[in-house]
Amino acid sequence: YNDQFHYAEWFFTILFTIEYVARIICARRPLRYIFSFYGVVDLLSILPTYIMNIAPVETQRLGVIRALRLLRAFRIFKLGHMLSEASELRRAIWASRSKIAVFLATVVIAVVIEGAALHLIEEGKGSGFDSIPESMYWAIVTMTTVGYGDAAPVTPLGKFLAAIIMILGYSLIIVPTGIVSAELAHGGKGSEETKITTQVCPECMREGHDSNATYCKFCGARL
């Protein structure tokens, strides 16, 4: 089906190109649309087909740019309304930055202490803890539950410390997740659910407005 897919690719590329040009013509401020988020998405969704057919043969192996065509799904499935959820998640992470920073600082201190301790205990035992940096690397690998197995303690005290850092490793996932989840739950209390429409602002050509909005929440123009 190579030919069929080739024709379909050009059909949709031309269709998206016509839409892109039409949006530029209809926009009150074309340059604002061209350099807006959706304008860039529209442009990147049509460029790969043209580039791959104009580029020299030896550059065809750079076909990874074809992946940019997946951006078309952003328009087809109207994924713009998900930006509000992404913004809420970003807000929750930013609001929790102090707590997360304190936790990560504690993790770094624990890694340094564990690495130094394991090096002192296991040095000369042939267990792979030949230096403090290598021991710290082992502590990070163990705490993140990766466990490559290139080093392992052999002394009872070393195994005891390893068990402690293994248990602490679960907190790397649990604590940040709990902090952000609590912030999300706190931010969602008392807020009414507002429907998001796909109506496009005639001024900035952006979507994601509330269903009862009269003015664009991005540029202030009347919808």
C-alpha atoms as a PDB file:
ATOM      1  CA  TYR A   1       0.000   0.000   0.000  1.00  0.00           C
ATOM      2  CA  ASN A   2       2.970   2.307  -0.453  1.00  0.00           C
ATOM      3  CA  ASP A   3       1.382   4.288  -3.283  1.00  0.00           C
ATOM      4  CA  GLN A   4      -1.933   4.637  -1.469  1.00  0.00           C
ATOM      5  CA  PHE A   5      -0.243   5.978   1.658  1.00  0.00           C
ATOM      6  CA  HIS A   6       1.888   8.312  -0.445  1.00  0.00           C
ATOM      7  CA  TYR A   7      -1.173   9.802  -2.139  1.00  0.00           C
ATOM      8  CA  ALA A   8      -3.015  10.035   1.184  1.00  0.00           C
ATOM      9  CA  GLU A   9      -0.038  11.821   2.720  1.00  0.00           C
ATOM     10  CA  TRP A  10      -0.008  14.432  -0.021  1.00  0.00           C
ATOM     11  CA  PHE A  11      -3.792  14.793   0.101  1.00  0.00           C
ATOM     12  CA  PHE A  12      -3.813  15.610   3.803  1.00  0.00           C
ATOM     13  CA  THR A  13      -0.701  17.768   3.510  1.00  0.00           C
ATOM     14  CA  ILE A  14      -2.325  19.891   0.806  1.00  0.00           C
ATOM     15  CA  LEU A  15      -5.528  20.029   2.864  1.00  0.00           C
ATOM     16  CA  PHE A  16      -3.646  21.257   5.934  1.00  0.00           C
ATOM     17  CA  THR A  17      -1.685  23.704   3.791  1.00  0.00           C
ATOM     18  CA  ILE A  18      -4.894  25.228   2.441  1.00  0.00           C
ATOM     19  CA  GLU A  19      -6.237  25.516   5.985  1.00  0.00           C
ATOM     20  CA  TYR A  20      -2.998  27.130   7.183  1.00  0.00           C
ATOM     21  CA  VAL A  21      -3.017  29.696   4.371  1.00  0.00           C
ATOM     22  CA  ALA A  22      -6.727  30.381   4.931  1.00  0.00           C
ATOM     23  CA  ARG A  23      -6.113  31.023   8.631  1.00  0.00           C
ATOM     24  CA  ILE A  24      -3.366  33.513   7.767  1.00  0.00           C
ATOM     25  CA  ILE A  25      -5.641  35.311   5.307  1.00  0.00           C
ATOM     26  CA  CYS A  26      -8.595  35.428   7.717  1.00  0.00           C
ATOM     27  CA  ALA A  27      -6.593  36.493  10.762  1.00  0.00           C
ATOM     28  CA  ARG A  28      -6.750  40.170  11.649  1.00  0.00           C
ATOM     29  CA  ARG A  29      -3.081  40.054  12.568  1.00  0.00           C
ATOM     30  CA  PRO A  30      -1.431  37.342  10.441  1.00  0.00           C
ATOM     31  CA  LEU A  31       1.978  37.600  12.095  1.00  0.00           C
ATOM     32  CA  ARG A  32       0.473  37.075  15.539  1.00  0.00           C
ATOM     33  CA  TYR A  33      -1.152  33.873  14.342  1.00  0.00           C
ATOM     34  CA  ILE A  34       1.984  32.672  12.524  1.00  0.00           C
ATOM     35  CA  PHE A  35       4.111  32.981  15.668  1.00  0.00           C
ATOM     36  CA  SER A  36       1.402  31.778  18.052  1.00  0.00           C
ATOM     37  CA  PHE A  37       1.408  28.285  19.539  1.00  0.00           C
ATOM     38  CA  TYR A  38      -1.260  26.979  17.185  1.00  0.00           C
ATOM     39  CA  GLY A  39       0.354  28.706  14.219  1.00  0.00           C
ATOM     40  CA  VAL A  40       3.632  26.928  14.891  1.00  0.00           C
ATOM     41  CA  VAL A  41       1.798  23.619  15.348  1.00  0.00           C
ATOM     42  CA  ASP A  42       0.023  24.064  12.016  1.00  0.00           C
ATOM     43  CA  LEU A  43       3.262  24.916  10.238  1.00  0.00           C
ATOM     44  CA  LEU A  44       5.239  22.034  11.733  1.00  0.00           C
ATOM     45  CA  SER A  45       2.480  19.602  10.773  1.00  0.00           C
ATOM     46  CA  ILE A  46       2.851  20.350   7.054  1.00  0.00           C
ATOM     47  CA  LEU A  47       6.579  21.069   6.684  1.00  0.00           C
ATOM     48  CA  PRO A  48       7.915  17.471   6.967  1.00  0.00           C
ATOM     49  CA  THR A  49       6.238  16.267   3.768  1.00  0.00           C
ATOM     50  CA  TYR A  50       7.665  19.130   1.729  1.00  0.00           C
ATOM     51  CA  ILE A  51      11.123  18.863   3.289  1.00  0.00           C
ATOM     52  CA  MET A  52      11.380  15.109   2.764  1.00  0.00           C
ATOM     53  CA  ASN A  53      10.480  15.446  -0.919  1.00  0.00           C
ATOM     54  CA  ILE A  54      12.696  18.451  -1.626  1.00  0.00           C
ATOM     55  CA  ALA A  55      15.733  17.348   0.382  1.00  0.00           C
ATOM     56  CA  PRO A  56      18.629  15.581  -1.410  1.00  0.00           C
ATOM     57  CA  VAL A  57      18.723  11.802  -1.425  1.00  0.00           C
ATOM     58  CA  GLU A  58      21.586  11.622   1.084  1.00  0.00           C
ATOM     59  CA  THR A  59      19.535  13.536   3.667  1.00  0.00           C
ATOM     60  CA  GLN A  60      16.559  11.246   3.417  1.00  0.00           C
ATOM     61  CA  ARG A  61      17.856   9.313   6.402  1.00  0.00           C
ATOM     62  CA  LEU A  62      16.851  12.318   8.477  1.00  0.00           C
ATOM     63  CA  GLY A  63      13.327  11.022   8.208  1.00  0.00           C
ATOM     64  CA  VAL A  64      12.884  11.466  11.939  1.00  0.00           C
ATOM     65  CA  ILE A  65      11.335  14.838  11.111  1.00  0.00           C
ATOM     66  CA  ARG A  66       8.349  12.894   9.821  1.00  0.00           C
ATOM     67  CA  ALA A  67       7.401  12.456  13.448  1.00  0.00           C
ATOM     68  CA  LEU A  68       6.442  16.130  13.430  1.00  0.00           C
ATOM     69  CA  ARG A  69       3.403  15.159  11.419  1.00  0.00           C
ATOM     70  CA  LEU A  70       1.938  13.720  14.606  1.00  0.00           C
ATOM     71  CA  LEU A  71       1.254  17.319  15.552  1.00  0.00           C
ATOM     72  CA  ARG A  72      -1.681  17.125  13.159  1.00  0.00           C
ATOM     73  CA  ALA A  73      -3.452  15.065  15.793  1.00  0.00           C
ATOM     74  CA  PHE A  74      -3.316  18.144  18.011  1.00  0.00           C
ATOM     75  CA  ARG A  75      -5.649  19.857  15.568  1.00  0.00           C
ATOM     76  CA  ILE A  76      -7.711  16.901  14.379  1.00  0.00           C
ATOM     77  CA  PHE A  77      -8.699  15.712  17.849  1.00  0.00           C
ATOM     78  CA  LYS A  78      -8.948  19.228  19.297  1.00  0.00           C
ATOM     79  CA  LEU A  79      -6.440  18.557  22.050  1.00  0.00           C
ATOM     80  CA  GLY A  80      -6.184  22.244  22.864  1.00  0.00           C
ATOM     81  CA  HIS A  81      -8.689  21.920  25.692  1.00  0.00           C
ATOM     82  CA  MET A  82      -6.151  19.740  27.515  1.00  0.00           C
ATOM     83  CA  LEU A  83      -3.873  22.739  27.898  1.00  0.00           C
ATOM     84  CA  SER A  84      -5.996  23.916  30.813  1.00  0.00           C
ATOM     85  CA  GLU A  85      -5.364  20.627  32.633  1.00  0.00           C
ATOM     86  CA  ALA A  86      -1.648  20.894  31.862  1.00  0.00           C
ATOM     87  CA  SER A  87      -1.671  24.426  33.209  1.00  0.00           C
ATOM     88  CA  GLU A  88      -3.331  23.237  36.422  1.00  0.00           C
ATOM     89  CA  LEU A  89      -0.711  20.515  36.847  1.00  0.00           C
ATOM     90  CA  ARG A  90       2.076  23.018  36.238  1.00  0.00           C
ATOM     91  CA  ARG A  91       0.526  25.349  38.805  1.00  0.00           C
ATOM     92  CA  ALA A  92       0.359  22.560  41.387  1.00  0.00           C
ATOM     93  CA  ILE A  93       4.002  21.619  40.824  1.00  0.00           C
ATOM     94  CA  TRP A  94       5.087  25.250  41.061  1.00  0.00           C
ATOM     95  CA  ALA A  95       3.079  25.776  44.252  1.00  0.00           C
ATOM     96  CA  SER A  96       4.738  22.684  45.756  1.00  0.00           C
ATOM     97  CA  ARG A  97       8.241  23.636  44.654  1.00  0.00           C
ATOM     98  CA  SER A  98       9.460  24.479  48.172  1.00  0.00           C
ATOM     99  CA  LYS A  99       8.342  21.171  49.658  1.00  0.00           C
ATOM    100  CA  ILE A 100       9.714  19.208  46.718  1.00  0.00           C
ATOM    101  CA  ALA A 101      13.022  21.109  46.911  1.00  0.00           C
ATOM    102  CA  VAL A 102      13.382  20.291  50.609  1.00  0.00           C
ATOM    103  CA  PHE A 103      12.637  16.633  49.934  1.00  0.00           C
ATOM    104  CA  LEU A 104      15.118  16.439  47.041  1.00  0.00           C
ATOM    105  CA  ALA A 105      17.773  18.141  49.166  1.00  0.00           C
ATOM    106  CA  THR A 106      17.203  15.478  51.815  1.00  0.00           C
ATOM    107  CA  VAL A 107      17.577  12.781  49.166  1.00  0.00           C
ATOM    108  CA  VAL A 108      20.867  14.285  47.958  1.00  0.00           C
ATOM    109  CA  ILE A 109      22.206  14.402  51.515  1.00  0.00           C
ATOM    110  CA  ALA A 110      21.157  10.785  52.058  1.00  0.00           C
ATOM    111  CA  VAL A 111      22.895   9.727  48.834  1.00  0.00           C
ATOM    112  CA  VAL A 112      26.138  11.446  49.849  1.00  0.00           C
ATOM    113  CA  ILE A 113      26.084   9.938  53.349  1.00  0.00           C
ATOM    114  CA  GLU A 114      25.195   6.450  52.107  1.00  0.00           C
ATOM    115  CA  GLY A 115      27.817   6.607  49.365  1.00  0.00           C
ATOM    116  CA  ALA A 116      30.558   7.682  51.742  1.00  0.00           C
ATOM    117  CA  ALA A 117      29.533   5.112  54.357  1.00  0.00           C
ATOM    118  CA  LEU A 118      29.385   2.246  51.854  1.00  0.00           C
ATOM    119  CA  HIS A 119      32.797   3.201  50.497  1.00  0.00           C
ATOM    120  CA  LEU A 120      34.353   3.153  53.965  1.00  0.00           C
ATOM    121  CA  ILE A 121      32.695  -0.149  54.864  1.00  0.00           C
ATOM    122  CA  GLU A 122      33.149  -2.012  51.567  1.00  0.00           C
ATOM    123  CA  GLU A 123      36.517  -0.625  50.421  1.00  0.00           C
ATOM    124  CA  GLY A 124      38.940  -3.412  49.579  1.00  0.00           C
ATOM    125  CA  LYS A 125      36.257  -6.105  49.673  1.00  0.00           C
ATOM    126  CA  GLY A 126      36.025  -6.368  45.871  1.00  0.00           C
ATOM    127  CA  SER A 127      32.339  -5.432  45.916  1.00  0.00           C
ATOM    128  CA  GLY A 128      32.648  -2.478  43.530  1.00  0.00           C
ATOM    129  CA  PHE A 129      32.716   0.403  46.022  1.00  0.00           C
ATOM    130  CA  ASP A 130      36.177   1.587  45.021  1.00  0.00           C
ATOM    131  CA  SER A 131      35.498   5.314  45.383  1.00  0.00           C
ATOM    132  CA  ILE A 132      32.950   7.642  46.932  1.00  0.00           C
ATOM    133  CA  PRO A 133      31.545   8.786  43.532  1.00  0.00           C
ATOM    134  CA  GLU A 134      31.036   5.158  42.483  1.00  0.00           C
ATOM    135  CA  SER A 135      29.364   4.441  45.804  1.00  0.00           C
ATOM    136  CA  MET A 136      27.113   7.482  45.369  1.00  0.00           C
ATOM    137  CA  TYR A 137      26.215   6.245  41.890  1.00  0.00           C
ATOM    138  CA  TRP A 138      25.268   2.887  43.403  1.00  0.00           C
ATOM    139  CA  ALA A 139      23.144   4.679  46.007  1.00  0.00           C
ATOM    140  CA  ILE A 140      21.272   6.582  43.275  1.00  0.00           C
ATOM    141  CA  VAL A 141      20.738   3.420  41.224  1.00  0.00           C
ATOM    142  CA  THR A 142      19.469   1.567  44.282  1.00  0.00           C
ATOM    143  CA  MET A 143      17.277   4.382  45.568  1.00  0.00           C
ATOM    144  CA  THR A 144      15.583   4.785  42.172  1.00  0.00           C
ATOM    145  CA  THR A 145      14.845   1.012  42.194  1.00  0.00           C
ATOM    146  CA  VAL A 146      16.838   0.506  38.978  1.00  0.00           C
ATOM    147  CA  GLY A 147      19.445  -1.844  40.423  1.00  0.00           C
ATOM    148  CA  TYR A 148      21.955  -2.560  37.652  1.00  0.00           C
ATOM    149  CA  GLY A 149      23.774  -5.045  39.863  1.00  0.00           C
ATOM    150  CA  ASP A 150      27.290  -3.853  38.974  1.00  0.00           C
ATOM    151  CA  ALA A 151      28.028  -3.420  42.682  1.00  0.00           C
ATOM    152  CA  ALA A 152      26.646  -5.086  45.785  1.00  0.00           C
ATOM    153  CA  PRO A 153      27.695  -4.948  49.448  1.00  0.00           C
ATOM    154  CA  VAL A 154      29.109  -8.122  50.976  1.00  0.00           C
ATOM    155  CA  THR A 155      29.550  -7.132  54.626  1.00  0.00           C
ATOM    156  CA  PRO A 156      26.639  -7.373  57.097  1.00  0.00           C
ATOM    157  CA  LEU A 157      26.796  -3.657  57.893  1.00  0.00           C
ATOM    158  CA  GLY A 158      26.925  -2.792  54.191  1.00  0.00           C
ATOM    159  CA  LYS A 159      23.877  -4.948  53.506  1.00  0.00           C
ATOM    160  CA  PHE A 160      22.047  -3.270  56.379  1.00  0.00           C
ATOM    161  CA  LEU A 161      22.726   0.193  54.949  1.00  0.00           C
ATOM    162  CA  ALA A 162      21.718  -1.062  51.506  1.00  0.00           C
ATOM    163  CA  ALA A 163      18.400  -2.279  52.914  1.00  0.00           C
ATOM    164  CA  ILE A 164      17.772   1.165  54.408  1.00  0.00           C
ATOM    165  CA  ILE A 165      18.408   2.953  51.132  1.00  0.00           C
ATOM    166  CA  MET A 166      16.188   0.453  49.284  1.00  0.00           C
ATOM    167  CA  ILE A 167      13.310   1.265  51.615  1.00  0.00           C
ATOM    168  CA  LEU A 168      13.956   4.995  51.289  1.00  0.00           C
ATOM    169  CA  GLY A 169      13.828   4.580  47.529  1.00  0.00           C
ATOM    170  CA  TYR A 170      10.063   4.163  47.574  1.00  0.00           C
ATOM    171  CA  SER A 171       9.737   7.644  49.010  1.00  0.00           C
ATOM    172  CA  LEU A 172      11.160   9.062  45.770  1.00  0.00           C
ATOM    173  CA  ILE A 173       7.864   8.199  44.118  1.00  0.00           C
ATOM    174  CA  ILE A 174       5.448   8.436  47.024  1.00  0.00           C
ATOM    175  CA  VAL A 175       6.426  11.781  48.565  1.00  0.00           C
ATOM    176  CA  PRO A 176       6.510  14.039  45.454  1.00  0.00           C
ATOM    177  CA  THR A 177       3.369  12.390  44.116  1.00  0.00           C
ATOM    178  CA  GLY A 178       1.568  12.941  47.411  1.00  0.00           C
ATOM    179  CA  ILE A 179       2.674  16.582  47.613  1.00  0.00           C
ATOM    180  CA  VAL A 180       1.513  17.415  44.090  1.00  0.00           C
ATOM    181  CA  SER A 181      -1.717  15.409  44.491  1.00  0.00           C
ATOM    182  CA  ALA A 182      -2.574  17.280  47.674  1.00  0.00           C
ATOM    183  CA  GLU A 183      -1.951  20.595  45.939  1.00  0.00           C
ATOM    184  CA  LEU A 184      -4.141  19.548  43.004  1.00  0.00           C
ATOM    185  CA  ALA A 185      -6.943  18.505  45.349  1.00  0.00           C
ATOM    186  CA  HIS A 186      -6.641  21.733  47.319  1.00  0.00           C
ATOM    187  CA  GLY A 187      -6.671  23.835  44.163  1.00  0.00           C
ATOM    188  CA  GLY A 188      -9.733  22.061  42.828  1.00  0.00           C
ATOM    189  CA  LYS A 189     -11.910  22.694  45.894  1.00  0.00           C
ATOM    190  CA  GLY A 190     -14.586  25.264  45.415  1.00  0.00           C
ATOM    191  CA  SER A 191     -13.895  25.700  41.720  1.00  0.00           C
ATOM    192  CA  GLU A 192     -16.808  25.124  39.426  1.00  0.00           C
ATOM    193  CA  GLU A 193     -16.329  22.953  36.399  1.00  0.00           C
ATOM    194  CA  THR A 194     -16.359  25.122  33.309  1.00  0.00           C
ATOM    195  CA  LYS A 195     -16.897  23.761  29.854  1.00  0.00           C
ATOM    196  CA  ILE A 196     -14.184  24.534  27.335  1.00  0.00           C
ATOM    197  CA  THR A 197     -15.098  25.176  23.709  1.00  0.00           C
ATOM    198  CA  THR A 198     -13.071  25.031  20.514  1.00  0.00           C
ATOM    199  CA  GLN A 199     -14.135  28.516  19.481  1.00  0.00           C
ATOM    200  CA  VAL A 200     -11.243  30.363  17.838  1.00  0.00           C
ATOM    201  CA  CYS A 201     -10.448  33.957  18.720  1.00  0.00           C
ATOM    202  CA  PRO A 202     -10.527  36.053  15.521  1.00  0.00           C
ATOM    203  CA  GLU A 203      -7.675  38.172  16.870  1.00  0.00           C
ATOM    204  CA  CYS A 204      -5.033  35.703  18.103  1.00  0.00           C
ATOM    205  CA  MET A 205      -6.499  32.500  16.590  1.00  0.00           C
ATOM    206  CA  ARG A 206      -6.285  30.599  19.875  1.00  0.00           C
ATOM    207  CA  GLU A 207      -8.761  28.072  21.263  1.00  0.00           C
ATOM    208  CA  GLY A 208      -9.637  26.849  24.753  1.00  0.00           C
ATOM    209  CA  HIS A 209     -12.136  29.520  25.834  1.00  0.00           C
ATOM    210  CA  ASP A 210     -14.869  29.003  28.414  1.00  0.00           C
ATOM    211  CA  SER A 211     -18.290  28.291  26.963  1.00  0.00           C
ATOM    212  CA  ASN A 212     -19.715  31.469  28.514  1.00  0.00           C
ATOM    213  CA  ALA A 213     -16.763  33.696  27.594  1.00  0.00           C
ATOM    214  CA  THR A 214     -17.390  36.963  25.764  1.00  0.00           C
ATOM    215  CA  TYR A 215     -13.769  38.019  25.432  1.00  0.00           C
ATOM    216  CA  CYS A 216     -10.606  36.079  24.631  1.00  0.00           C
ATOM    217  CA  LYS A 217      -8.731  35.149  27.795  1.00  0.00           C
ATOM    218  CA  PHE A 218      -5.424  35.351  25.943  1.00  0.00           C
ATOM    219  CA  CYS A 219      -5.544  38.691  24.109  1.00  0.00           C
ATOM    220  CA  GLY A 220      -8.784  40.284  25.370  1.00  0.00           C
ATOM    221  CA  ALA A 221     -10.424  40.584  21.958  1.00  0.00           C
ATOM    222  CA  ARG A 222     -14.181  40.126  21.647  1.00  0.00           C
ATOM    223  CA  LEU A 223     -15.167  36.612  20.574  1.00  0.00           C
END
